[in-house]
Amino acid sequence: MTTEMRELCQEDWDEYYGTLELAFGGVAEAKEEHELWNALTEFDRFFGTWEGSTCVGTTGAFSFRLSVPGGSLVDAAGVTMVSVAATHRRRGILTSMMRRQLDDVRAKGESLAVLTASEPVIYGRFGYGAATFATKAEIDTARVSLSVPAGTDDVRLRYAKPADVHEACEAVYARRVSERPGMLARQPGWDRLGLLDPESERQGSSPLQCVVAERDGEIVGYARYQVKPDWNVAGPSGTVRLRDLEADDPASCAALWRFLFGIDLTSTVEAHSRPTDDAVFQLVSDVRRCRLQVRDSLHVRLVDVGAALAARTYRTPVNLVLDVEDAFCPWNAGRWRLTGDLKDATCERTDDDADLALPVRDLGSAYLGGVSLASLAAAGRVRELRPGALAEATTAFGSDVAPWLPHGF
């Protein structure tokens, strides 16, 4: 039978989502998750591939605003829910969906597409490069102490029901977005993700808890977490599972971490996705006992090279010609002159000789400032065509703070 790709409609959503769940192992998500993802689905941006009445492929995109170096928010397509039924692999279905999707992203005027990859090897061939990384930590709080900054004792902490302080916590998050590349400005409805707490996924942990940090009666930080009680022959050995933590200043941040370290009947704080330069790793007495693991997180694809490079700023003045390779989106291929500094930038077509040559995938990796162009060159991914150009570009493209994606999609 032939297959047909078509825009998703509401009445087909359950079939579509069931195909996605089956592709990811067949374990059904909780009702609360189904309802949230259904509510967030932008039906004109989601596509299914159908064989008769059976859905055999899925993909979609959310309309995001992504923070980039310099603090601007750039329109980006958040690619999501990508799957192909195991019975229909190697028929070109994924390639067809990626083709349709990137064409649509370009037509909407979005210069970036971003995703989190179940298997990174899949998306490199479509021009996506790993641009942010997340740190998992399992901190032995029985042996690790914190050295906190001045003013930490002046921060007031209090318990609060997550829903009761949700608006104030979202305001703290919103203030943080422009300070770190890779963060997503919460679009309408996305604030609900922070409160999602299906009982079926707690794995023995408590319901979601929240502590807020206050100064002069105003909420300046928060931590949302769960506690999983446990005991062994030596006594209590519970785990604090951190969901998310944001704060306006170092003292408030330290006060929240100190609270998590000191929760009774626990000996471990577990955080699954923190920035690679998270302040807590400078506060701890023994970073080895934090058992850090780093993995890729957000993958970036430049859909419009000129617009994307002009949308961010650069740490030092830059005037370079980039020769970009892009077989999947050929409108990007060729030479681009990038001129910019800490205030603004332009990027336009040129016939001038190139200073650097690189695939669009590696330009995506370097875009948010977390992956060094010099490291890509050392791997043979970037070629220096003018002596000195690589050092100039590496410095200019960098970011003072590590880019970070705060949550998946």
Protein backbone atom coordinates (compact mmCIF):
# COMPACT_ATOMS: atom_id res chain seq x y z
CA MET A 1 0.00 0.00 0.00
CA THR A 2 1.07 3.58 -0.56
CA THR A 3 1.47 6.06 2.25
CA GLU A 4 0.13 9.59 2.57
CA MET A 5 1.45 12.42 4.72
CA ARG A 6 -1.17 14.84 5.97
CA GLU A 7 -1.76 17.51 8.57
CA LEU A 8 -2.99 16.16 11.88
CA CYS A 9 -6.59 16.75 12.90
CA GLN A 10 -8.11 16.45 16.36
CA GLU A 11 -10.04 13.26 15.67
CA ASP A 12 -6.84 11.47 14.63
CA TRP A 13 -4.79 12.53 17.65
CA ASP A 14 -5.29 9.36 19.71
CA GLU A 15 -4.23 7.12 16.80
CA TYR A 16 -1.27 9.40 16.08
CA TYR A 17 -0.11 9.47 19.70
CA GLY A 18 -0.56 5.73 20.06
CA THR A 19 1.82 5.25 17.12
CA LEU A 20 4.35 7.47 18.91
CA GLU A 21 4.03 5.54 22.18
CA LEU A 22 4.46 2.22 20.40
CA ALA A 23 7.61 3.46 18.68
CA PHE A 24 9.03 4.41 22.09
CA GLY A 25 8.41 1.00 23.63
CA GLY A 26 4.64 0.78 23.95
CA VAL A 27 4.28 2.01 27.54
CA ALA A 28 1.27 4.31 27.68
CA GLU A 29 1.72 7.66 29.39
CA ALA A 30 -0.54 8.84 32.19
CA LYS A 31 -3.87 10.47 31.42
CA GLU A 32 -2.56 13.82 32.68
CA GLU A 33 0.31 13.72 30.19
CA HIS A 34 -2.00 12.80 27.32
CA GLU A 35 -4.25 15.72 28.14
CA LEU A 36 -1.37 18.20 28.39
CA TRP A 37 0.28 17.19 25.11
CA ASN A 38 -3.06 17.20 23.35
CA ALA A 39 -3.73 20.72 24.63
CA LEU A 40 -0.28 21.93 23.52
CA THR A 41 -0.45 20.36 20.05
CA GLU A 42 -0.49 22.94 17.25
CA PHE A 43 -2.44 20.88 14.76
CA ASP A 44 -1.36 22.87 11.70
CA ARG A 45 2.29 22.06 12.60
CA PHE A 46 1.89 18.33 13.18
CA PHE A 47 1.94 15.71 10.44
CA GLY A 48 1.17 12.02 10.31
CA THR A 49 2.10 9.51 7.65
CA TRP A 50 -0.77 7.12 7.02
CA GLU A 51 -1.14 3.80 5.29
CA GLY A 52 -4.87 3.56 4.80
CA SER A 53 -6.38 4.18 8.22
CA THR A 54 -3.18 3.28 10.09
CA CYS A 55 -0.72 5.92 11.26
CA VAL A 56 2.85 4.75 10.54
CA GLY A 57 4.84 7.94 11.09
CA THR A 58 4.62 11.05 13.26
CA THR A 59 6.28 14.41 13.59
CA GLY A 60 5.37 17.89 14.79
CA ALA A 61 6.67 21.25 15.88
CA PHE A 62 5.89 23.72 18.64
CA SER A 63 6.23 27.47 18.16
CA PHE A 64 8.97 28.54 20.56
CA ARG A 65 10.97 31.64 21.45
CA LEU A 66 14.57 30.62 22.14
CA SER A 67 17.12 32.71 24.01
CA VAL A 68 20.36 33.27 22.07
CA PRO A 69 23.69 34.94 22.96
CA GLY A 70 22.98 38.60 23.59
CA GLY A 71 19.64 37.89 25.25
CA SER A 72 17.32 38.14 22.25
CA LEU A 73 14.47 35.69 21.80
CA VAL A 74 14.39 34.07 18.37
CA ASP A 75 11.43 32.29 16.80
CA ALA A 76 12.24 28.59 16.61
CA ALA A 77 10.39 25.43 15.66
CA GLY A 78 10.57 22.90 18.50
CA VAL A 79 10.58 19.62 16.59
CA THR A 80 8.90 16.87 18.56
CA MET A 81 7.06 13.53 18.54
CA VAL A 82 9.13 12.07 15.70
CA SER A 83 8.61 8.37 15.06
CA VAL A 84 8.30 5.75 12.34
CA ALA A 85 6.56 2.43 12.96
CA ALA A 86 9.03 -0.47 13.14
CA THR A 87 7.06 -2.15 10.36
CA HIS A 88 7.75 0.76 7.99
CA ARG A 89 11.41 1.56 8.45
CA ARG A 90 13.80 2.21 5.54
CA ARG A 91 11.06 3.41 3.20
CA GLY A 92 12.02 7.08 3.25
CA ILE A 93 9.17 8.06 5.59
CA LEU A 94 11.37 9.95 8.07
CA THR A 95 13.23 11.78 5.30
CA SER A 96 9.93 12.82 3.72
CA MET A 97 8.61 14.14 7.03
CA MET A 98 11.85 16.05 7.75
CA ARG A 99 11.71 17.54 4.25
CA ARG A 100 8.11 18.69 4.66
CA GLN A 101 8.76 20.03 8.13
CA LEU A 102 11.83 22.11 7.30
CA ASP A 103 10.12 23.53 4.23
CA ASP A 104 7.21 24.59 6.45
CA VAL A 105 9.55 26.07 9.07
CA ARG A 106 11.20 28.15 6.36
CA ALA A 107 7.83 29.26 4.99
CA LYS A 108 6.83 30.46 8.48
CA GLY A 109 9.94 32.65 8.62
CA GLU A 110 11.56 30.82 11.53
CA SER A 111 15.33 30.79 11.25
CA LEU A 112 15.90 27.90 13.68
CA ALA A 113 14.62 24.39 14.27
CA VAL A 114 15.53 22.66 17.54
CA LEU A 115 14.96 19.23 19.04
CA THR A 116 16.00 16.80 21.74
CA ALA A 117 17.18 13.57 20.17
CA SER A 118 16.28 10.07 21.30
CA GLU A 119 19.17 8.96 19.07
CA PRO A 120 21.49 11.79 17.95
CA VAL A 121 22.83 9.77 15.01
CA ILE A 122 19.43 10.11 13.32
CA TYR A 123 19.32 13.88 13.12
CA GLY A 124 22.84 14.82 12.11
CA ARG A 125 22.11 13.91 8.52
CA PHE A 126 19.29 16.47 8.51
CA GLY A 127 21.60 19.24 9.71
CA TYR A 128 20.98 19.21 13.47
CA GLY A 129 24.00 19.61 15.76
CA ALA A 130 24.24 19.17 19.54
CA ALA A 131 24.39 22.70 20.95
CA THR A 132 23.61 22.37 24.66
CA PHE A 133 24.50 19.82 27.28
CA ALA A 134 22.87 18.82 30.57
CA THR A 135 24.49 17.56 33.75
CA LYS A 136 23.04 14.79 35.88
CA ALA A 137 24.17 14.85 39.50
CA GLU A 138 23.78 12.36 42.34
CA ILE A 139 25.12 14.27 45.31
CA ASP A 140 26.08 12.41 48.48
CA THR A 141 24.78 14.96 50.96
CA ALA A 142 25.99 12.88 53.91
CA ARG A 143 29.58 13.64 52.85
CA VAL A 144 29.29 16.82 50.77
CA SER A 145 28.82 20.23 52.36
CA LEU A 146 28.15 23.66 50.86
CA SER A 147 30.12 26.87 51.17
CA VAL A 148 27.47 29.56 50.73
CA PRO A 149 27.96 33.25 49.87
CA ALA A 150 27.30 36.20 52.14
CA GLY A 151 23.62 37.03 52.47
CA THR A 152 22.39 33.46 52.29
CA ASP A 153 21.13 33.58 55.89
CA ASP A 154 19.04 36.66 55.03
CA VAL A 155 16.91 34.73 52.55
CA ARG A 156 13.62 33.46 53.93
CA LEU A 157 12.42 30.04 52.81
CA ARG A 158 8.93 28.65 53.13
CA TYR A 159 6.96 25.67 51.92
CA ALA A 160 4.18 26.37 49.43
CA LYS A 161 1.80 24.31 47.39
CA PRO A 162 3.19 24.30 43.83
CA ALA A 163 -0.08 25.55 42.33
CA ASP A 164 -0.42 28.37 44.88
CA VAL A 165 2.92 29.99 43.94
CA HIS A 166 2.97 28.94 40.33
CA GLU A 167 2.55 32.43 38.88
CA ALA A 168 5.33 33.88 41.04
CA CYS A 169 7.67 30.99 40.18
CA GLU A 170 6.98 31.50 36.49
CA ALA A 171 7.92 35.16 36.90
CA VAL A 172 11.29 34.12 38.36
CA TYR A 173 11.83 31.75 35.43
CA ALA A 174 10.90 34.46 32.92
CA ARG A 175 13.53 36.79 34.38
CA ARG A 176 16.18 34.13 33.88
CA VAL A 177 15.48 33.32 30.23
CA SER A 178 17.43 36.14 28.59
CA GLU A 179 20.44 35.51 30.84
CA ARG A 180 21.27 32.06 29.45
CA PRO A 181 21.21 30.95 25.80
CA GLY A 182 19.11 27.87 25.07
CA MET A 183 16.29 28.65 27.46
CA LEU A 184 12.71 28.74 26.22
CA ALA A 185 10.34 31.59 26.95
CA ARG A 186 7.19 29.92 28.19
CA GLN A 187 4.45 30.20 25.59
CA PRO A 188 0.81 30.04 26.76
CA GLY A 189 0.05 26.67 28.29
CA TRP A 190 3.66 25.60 28.75
CA ASP A 191 3.70 26.70 32.38
CA ARG A 192 1.53 23.63 33.10
CA LEU A 193 4.53 21.39 32.40
CA GLY A 194 6.11 22.45 35.69
CA LEU A 195 3.11 21.17 37.64
CA LEU A 196 2.70 17.86 35.83
CA ASP A 197 2.88 15.15 38.49
CA PRO A 198 1.18 11.88 37.49
CA GLU A 199 1.12 9.39 40.34
CA SER A 200 2.06 6.56 37.97
CA GLU A 201 5.49 8.12 37.36
CA ARG A 202 6.50 8.91 40.93
CA GLN A 203 8.24 5.54 41.41
CA GLY A 204 7.78 5.64 45.16
CA SER A 205 8.44 9.35 45.54
CA SER A 206 6.20 11.90 47.18
CA PRO A 207 3.86 14.20 45.30
CA LEU A 208 5.55 17.32 43.91
CA GLN A 209 6.71 19.70 46.64
CA CYS A 210 7.83 23.32 46.45
CA VAL A 211 9.92 25.69 48.55
CA VAL A 212 10.21 29.37 47.67
CA ALA A 213 12.92 31.87 48.57
CA GLU A 214 11.75 35.33 49.62
CA ARG A 215 13.38 38.69 50.18
CA ASP A 216 11.36 41.66 51.44
CA GLY A 217 8.19 39.65 50.94
CA GLU A 218 8.87 38.96 47.25
CA ILE A 219 9.55 35.51 45.80
CA VAL A 220 13.05 35.52 44.32
CA GLY A 221 13.59 31.80 43.80
CA TYR A 222 12.02 28.38 44.01
CA ALA A 223 12.78 24.68 44.04
CA ARG A 224 10.30 22.00 42.97
CA TYR A 225 11.19 18.48 44.03
CA GLN A 226 10.04 15.11 45.30
CA VAL A 227 11.33 12.96 48.16
CA LYS A 228 11.74 9.20 47.87
CA PRO A 229 12.04 7.67 51.35
CA ASP A 230 14.37 4.72 51.87
CA TRP A 231 16.06 2.90 54.74
CA ASN A 232 18.99 0.55 55.11
CA VAL A 233 20.69 -1.13 58.06
CA ALA A 234 22.44 2.13 58.93
CA GLY A 235 19.23 4.15 58.99
CA PRO A 236 17.40 6.56 56.67
CA SER A 237 18.81 6.98 53.15
CA GLY A 238 16.13 8.85 51.23
CA THR A 239 16.63 10.71 47.97
CA VAL A 240 15.61 14.26 47.05
CA ARG A 241 14.69 14.33 43.37
CA LEU A 242 15.03 17.88 42.11
CA ARG A 243 12.63 18.84 39.32
CA ASP A 244 13.74 22.44 38.80
CA LEU A 245 15.39 25.31 40.66
CA GLU A 246 15.69 28.96 39.65
CA ALA A 247 16.72 32.04 41.61
CA ASP A 248 17.38 35.71 40.98
CA ASP A 249 20.71 35.96 42.83
CA PRO A 250 23.54 33.83 44.26
CA ALA A 251 22.38 34.01 47.88
CA SER A 252 18.85 32.86 47.05
CA CYS A 253 20.22 30.07 44.87
CA ALA A 254 22.55 28.89 47.65
CA ALA A 255 19.76 29.03 50.22
CA LEU A 256 17.61 26.72 48.12
CA TRP A 257 20.42 24.23 47.56
CA ARG A 258 21.29 24.27 51.27
CA PHE A 259 17.66 23.47 52.06
CA LEU A 260 17.67 20.51 49.66
CA PHE A 261 20.90 19.20 51.20
CA GLY A 262 19.40 19.34 54.69
CA ILE A 263 16.03 17.62 54.24
CA ASP A 264 15.58 15.12 57.06
CA LEU A 265 15.92 11.37 56.43
CA THR A 266 17.71 11.87 53.09
CA SER A 267 21.31 11.38 52.04
CA THR A 268 21.22 12.05 48.29
CA VAL A 269 20.11 14.92 46.07
CA GLU A 270 19.44 13.77 42.53
CA ALA A 271 19.21 16.32 39.69
CA HIS A 272 18.70 15.03 36.18
CA SER A 273 19.21 18.16 34.08
CA ARG A 274 21.30 21.08 35.27
CA PRO A 275 23.57 23.50 33.38
CA THR A 276 27.13 22.28 32.98
CA ASP A 277 28.29 25.43 34.83
CA ASP A 278 25.63 25.30 37.55
CA ALA A 279 26.67 27.36 40.58
CA VAL A 280 26.13 24.42 42.93
CA PHE A 281 29.19 22.67 41.50
CA GLN A 282 31.27 25.60 42.80
CA LEU A 283 29.60 25.51 46.22
CA VAL A 284 30.14 21.83 47.02
CA SER A 285 33.04 20.64 49.13
CA ASP A 286 33.73 17.56 46.99
CA VAL A 287 32.63 17.59 43.36
CA ARG A 288 33.66 13.97 42.88
CA ARG A 289 30.97 12.85 45.29
CA CYS A 290 28.42 14.61 43.09
CA ARG A 291 28.86 11.84 40.47
CA LEU A 292 28.39 14.11 37.48
CA GLN A 293 27.34 12.83 34.07
CA VAL A 294 27.04 15.04 31.00
CA ARG A 295 24.97 14.31 27.90
CA ASP A 296 23.73 16.17 24.86
CA SER A 297 20.46 18.05 25.21
CA LEU A 298 19.25 20.62 22.64
CA HIS A 299 20.15 20.07 18.98
CA VAL A 300 20.05 23.15 16.73
CA ARG A 301 19.44 23.38 12.99
CA LEU A 302 19.88 26.69 11.14
CA VAL A 303 16.99 26.91 8.69
CA ASP A 304 17.94 30.41 7.51
CA VAL A 305 21.67 30.90 8.02
CA GLY A 306 21.66 34.63 7.40
CA ALA A 307 18.73 35.44 9.70
CA ALA A 308 19.92 33.09 12.46
CA LEU A 309 23.47 34.46 12.60
CA ALA A 310 22.17 38.05 12.53
CA ALA A 311 19.78 37.34 15.42
CA ARG A 312 22.50 36.84 18.05
CA THR A 313 25.42 38.99 19.15
CA TYR A 314 29.14 38.18 19.42
CA ARG A 315 31.59 38.50 22.29
CA THR A 316 34.21 40.30 20.20
CA PRO A 317 33.96 42.19 16.88
CA VAL A 318 33.79 39.72 14.03
CA ASN A 319 34.03 40.14 10.25
CA LEU A 320 34.23 36.72 8.62
CA VAL A 321 33.09 34.92 5.49
CA LEU A 322 31.67 31.48 6.21
CA ASP A 323 31.36 28.87 3.48
CA VAL A 324 28.42 26.74 4.61
CA GLU A 325 27.70 23.21 3.36
CA ASP A 326 24.02 22.26 3.45
CA ALA A 327 22.80 19.50 1.14
CA PHE A 328 19.40 19.05 2.80
CA CYS A 329 18.48 22.77 2.77
CA PRO A 330 20.44 23.98 -0.28
CA TRP A 331 19.21 27.55 0.06
CA ASN A 332 21.72 27.87 2.91
CA ALA A 333 24.71 26.56 0.98
CA GLY A 334 27.44 29.00 -0.06
CA ARG A 335 29.31 31.95 1.36
CA TRP A 336 27.97 34.33 4.00
CA ARG A 337 29.65 37.46 5.39
CA LEU A 338 29.05 37.76 9.12
CA THR A 339 29.70 41.13 10.73
CA GLY A 340 28.86 41.73 14.36
CA ASP A 341 29.81 42.66 17.90
CA LEU A 342 28.23 42.83 21.36
CA LYS A 343 25.45 45.14 20.11
CA ASP A 344 24.17 43.65 16.85
CA ALA A 345 25.09 41.70 13.73
CA THR A 346 24.39 41.29 10.03
CA CYS A 347 24.89 38.25 7.82
CA GLU A 348 24.50 38.47 4.06
CA ARG A 349 25.42 36.59 0.90
CA THR A 350 28.84 37.36 -0.59
CA ASP A 351 31.17 36.31 -3.38
CA ASP A 352 34.25 37.12 -1.29
CA ASP A 353 36.78 34.44 -0.44
CA ALA A 354 35.83 32.34 2.57
CA ASP A 355 37.67 32.47 5.91
CA LEU A 356 36.12 29.29 7.35
CA ALA A 357 34.26 26.35 5.82
CA LEU A 358 31.91 24.10 7.77
CA PRO A 359 28.74 22.00 7.48
CA VAL A 360 25.49 23.55 8.73
CA ARG A 361 25.30 20.83 11.40
CA ASP A 362 28.48 22.12 13.05
CA LEU A 363 27.36 25.72 12.70
CA GLY A 364 24.27 24.65 14.65
CA SER A 365 26.44 23.12 17.37
CA ALA A 366 28.41 26.36 17.74
CA TYR A 367 25.42 28.67 17.42
CA LEU A 368 24.54 29.08 21.12
CA GLY A 369 28.14 29.44 22.23
CA GLY A 370 28.48 26.16 24.10
CA VAL A 371 30.53 24.23 21.53
CA SER A 372 33.86 25.73 20.49
CA LEU A 373 34.60 26.17 16.80
CA ALA A 374 38.20 25.36 17.66
CA SER A 375 37.16 21.99 19.08
CA LEU A 376 35.15 21.28 15.93
CA ALA A 377 38.18 22.22 13.85
CA ALA A 378 40.34 19.86 15.89
CA ALA A 379 37.88 17.11 14.93
CA GLY A 380 38.20 18.05 11.25
CA ARG A 381 34.68 19.49 11.11
CA VAL A 382 35.71 23.13 10.50
CA ARG A 383 38.37 24.16 7.99
CA GLU A 384 40.35 27.37 8.43
CA LEU A 385 40.93 29.02 5.05
CA ARG A 386 42.50 32.26 6.31
CA PRO A 387 45.15 32.10 9.05
CA GLY A 388 43.80 33.52 12.29
CA ALA A 389 40.16 33.28 11.29
CA LEU A 390 39.48 30.26 13.50
CA ALA A 391 40.71 31.99 16.67
CA GLU A 392 38.67 35.09 15.86
CA ALA A 393 35.50 33.11 15.27
CA THR A 394 35.98 30.85 18.28
CA THR A 395 36.20 33.82 20.65
CA ALA A 396 33.36 35.72 18.99
CA PHE A 397 30.91 32.80 18.97
CA GLY A 398 31.46 31.91 22.64
CA SER A 399 29.09 32.53 25.53
CA ASP A 400 29.90 33.72 29.03
CA VAL A 401 27.52 31.11 30.47
CA ALA A 402 26.87 27.60 29.23
CA PRO A 403 23.73 27.33 27.10
CA TRP A 404 21.10 25.11 28.66
CA LEU A 405 17.67 23.73 27.89
CA PRO A 406 15.61 23.73 31.12
CA HIS A 407 13.02 21.13 30.07
CA GLY A 408 12.18 18.81 27.26
CA PHE A 409 9.38 18.97 24.75
